[in-house]
Amino acid sequence: MRAVIQRVTSASVTIGGEVKSAIGTGLMILLGVGHEDTPEDIDWLVKKIAGLRIFNDDAGVMNRSVVDVGGDALVVSQFTLMASTKKGNRPSYIGAAGHELAIPLYDKFCAALSAAIGRPVGTGEFGADMKVALVNDGPVTICIDTKNKQ
């Protein structure tokens, strides 16, 4: 699994002109699921994201997690995070999981993250043409790949 995590003051996902989900202060997470990903990847990634100390404390130091600040989360599936650009200029998505694996893992990730942060998690719609808007706070953007845990 690959995740791009952005600290935001607001974020939303719109599908067909209708806002599907919107959050205030918290995390906007783009999630790519690979064909080798497992529930163990979910457990590790959720724990890592929920514990990331990327929110400012009273001294202005990034020392608090989304849980500490009572922040929200919005998770949008994005198979293009699994792109390989090794050859030529047209990305290959052969590493991305198909719907039969990706949808259940995406749903489990969202449920596990909701439990970890103690709040409902906003979502997009798997496979839909989504318009994502956000205000990146900082900017703070973190990329995590469960296949590179070290």
Protein backbone atom coordinates (compact mmCIF):
# COMPACT_ATOMS: atom_id res chain seq x y z
CA MET A 1 0.00 0.00 0.00
CA ARG A 2 1.09 3.48 -0.75
CA ALA A 3 -0.31 6.52 0.98
CA VAL A 4 0.16 10.23 0.48
CA ILE A 5 -0.85 11.95 3.71
CA GLN A 6 -1.44 15.69 3.78
CA ARG A 7 -2.10 17.80 6.84
CA VAL A 8 -5.06 19.97 5.90
CA THR A 9 -7.28 22.69 7.29
CA SER A 10 -10.05 21.43 4.99
CA ALA A 11 -10.59 18.86 2.26
CA SER A 12 -13.47 17.50 0.21
CA VAL A 13 -14.26 15.05 -2.55
CA THR A 14 -16.97 15.81 -5.10
CA ILE A 15 -18.52 13.25 -7.45
CA GLY A 16 -20.86 14.32 -10.25
CA GLY A 17 -21.19 17.82 -8.82
CA GLU A 18 -22.22 16.53 -5.34
CA VAL A 19 -19.93 16.72 -2.30
CA LYS A 20 -19.50 13.11 -1.12
CA SER A 21 -17.32 13.91 1.92
CA ALA A 22 -15.77 16.96 3.53
CA ILE A 23 -13.54 17.46 6.55
CA GLY A 24 -12.03 20.27 8.55
CA THR A 25 -8.63 20.10 10.22
CA GLY A 26 -7.08 16.69 9.81
CA LEU A 27 -5.58 14.37 7.23
CA MET A 28 -6.28 13.99 3.53
CA ILE A 29 -5.07 10.51 2.54
CA LEU A 30 -4.67 9.25 -1.01
CA LEU A 31 -4.42 5.44 -0.85
CA GLY A 32 -3.06 3.10 -3.50
CA VAL A 33 -3.59 -0.64 -3.10
CA GLY A 34 -1.20 -3.11 -4.74
CA HIS A 35 -1.89 -6.69 -5.73
CA GLU A 36 0.51 -7.96 -3.02
CA ASP A 37 -1.11 -6.00 -0.18
CA THR A 38 -2.66 -7.78 2.79
CA PRO A 39 -4.56 -6.96 5.99
CA GLU A 40 -1.16 -6.82 7.74
CA ASP A 41 -0.30 -3.82 5.55
CA ILE A 42 -3.49 -2.15 6.74
CA ASP A 43 -2.67 -2.72 10.41
CA TRP A 44 0.84 -1.30 10.06
CA LEU A 45 -0.22 1.69 7.94
CA VAL A 46 -3.17 2.66 10.13
CA LYS A 47 -1.01 2.57 13.25
CA LYS A 48 1.64 4.67 11.53
CA ILE A 49 -0.81 7.27 10.20
CA ALA A 50 -2.82 7.59 13.42
CA GLY A 51 0.41 8.14 15.36
CA LEU A 52 2.15 10.56 12.98
CA ARG A 53 3.12 13.61 15.00
CA ILE A 54 2.64 16.25 12.30
CA PHE A 55 0.33 18.71 14.06
CA ASN A 56 1.71 21.62 16.05
CA ASP A 57 1.75 21.67 19.83
CA ASP A 58 1.39 24.86 21.87
CA ALA A 59 5.03 25.74 21.14
CA GLY A 60 4.49 25.47 17.38
CA VAL A 61 6.45 22.21 17.11
CA MET A 62 5.04 19.28 15.10
CA ASN A 63 4.53 17.02 18.10
CA ARG A 64 0.84 16.03 18.04
CA SER A 65 -1.06 13.36 16.11
CA VAL A 66 -4.45 13.57 14.43
CA VAL A 67 -5.81 11.76 17.49
CA ASP A 68 -4.24 14.32 19.83
CA VAL A 69 -5.87 17.25 17.99
CA GLY A 70 -9.24 15.53 17.45
CA GLY A 71 -8.77 15.86 13.71
CA ASP A 72 -10.71 14.33 10.84
CA ALA A 73 -9.58 12.07 8.01
CA LEU A 74 -10.65 11.77 4.38
CA VAL A 75 -9.43 8.73 2.42
CA VAL A 76 -9.57 8.62 -1.37
CA SER A 77 -8.57 5.54 -3.35
CA GLN A 78 -5.99 6.30 -6.02
CA PHE A 79 -4.66 3.43 -8.12
CA THR A 80 -2.27 5.80 -9.91
CA LEU A 81 -0.08 5.82 -6.78
CA MET A 82 0.94 2.32 -7.84
CA ALA A 83 2.31 3.60 -11.18
CA SER A 84 5.65 2.43 -12.49
CA THR A 85 7.54 4.91 -14.64
CA LYS A 86 10.62 2.78 -15.32
CA LYS A 87 10.08 2.54 -19.07
CA GLY A 88 9.07 5.33 -21.41
CA ASN A 89 6.69 8.14 -20.57
CA ARG A 90 3.45 6.23 -20.21
CA PRO A 91 3.03 4.93 -16.64
CA SER A 92 2.25 1.27 -16.11
CA TYR A 93 -0.34 0.33 -13.49
CA ILE A 94 0.39 -3.39 -13.47
CA GLY A 95 1.21 -3.19 -9.74
CA ALA A 96 -2.23 -1.87 -8.81
CA ALA A 97 -4.69 -4.35 -7.34
CA GLY A 98 -7.84 -5.19 -9.24
CA HIS A 99 -11.27 -4.25 -7.89
CA GLU A 100 -11.82 -7.67 -6.29
CA LEU A 101 -8.86 -7.13 -3.94
CA ALA A 102 -8.60 -3.35 -3.78
CA ILE A 103 -12.17 -2.53 -2.74
CA PRO A 104 -12.25 -4.83 0.33
CA LEU A 105 -8.79 -3.64 1.44
CA TYR A 106 -9.76 0.02 0.94
CA ASP A 107 -12.95 -0.52 2.97
CA LYS A 108 -11.01 -2.32 5.74
CA PHE A 109 -8.42 0.45 5.80
CA CYS A 110 -11.12 3.11 6.22
CA ALA A 111 -12.84 1.15 9.00
CA ALA A 112 -9.55 0.52 10.81
CA LEU A 113 -8.51 4.16 10.55
CA SER A 114 -11.90 5.28 11.87
CA ALA A 115 -11.46 2.99 14.88
CA ALA A 116 -7.89 4.21 15.44
CA ILE A 117 -8.74 7.92 15.42
CA GLY A 118 -12.11 7.51 17.14
CA ARG A 119 -14.02 9.42 14.45
CA PRO A 120 -15.86 8.61 11.22
CA VAL A 121 -13.62 8.72 8.15
CA GLY A 122 -14.77 10.50 5.01
CA THR A 123 -14.37 8.57 1.77
CA GLY A 124 -14.51 8.94 -1.94
CA GLU A 125 -16.10 6.35 -4.21
CA PHE A 126 -13.91 3.59 -5.58
CA GLY A 127 -13.51 3.90 -9.34
CA ALA A 128 -15.46 7.17 -9.64
CA ASP A 129 -14.28 10.33 -11.36
CA MET A 130 -13.62 12.41 -8.25
CA LYS A 131 -12.71 16.05 -7.80
CA VAL A 132 -10.56 16.44 -4.70
CA ALA A 133 -10.06 19.84 -3.11
CA LEU A 134 -7.87 20.60 -0.13
CA VAL A 135 -6.00 23.28 1.72
CA ASN A 136 -2.63 21.77 2.64
CA ASP A 137 -1.55 23.18 6.00
CA GLY A 138 2.16 23.91 6.20
CA PRO A 139 2.47 22.46 3.61
CA VAL A 140 2.94 19.06 5.22
CA THR A 141 2.92 16.03 2.94
CA ILE A 142 4.18 12.56 3.90
CA CYS A 143 4.52 9.54 1.58
CA ILE A 144 4.46 6.05 3.06
CA ASP A 145 4.86 2.68 1.30
CA THR A 146 4.19 -0.44 3.36
CA LYS A 147 6.80 -2.30 1.29
CA ASN A 148 9.49 0.12 2.58
CA LYS A 149 8.98 -0.02 6.34
CA GLN A 150 12.58 0.72 7.25
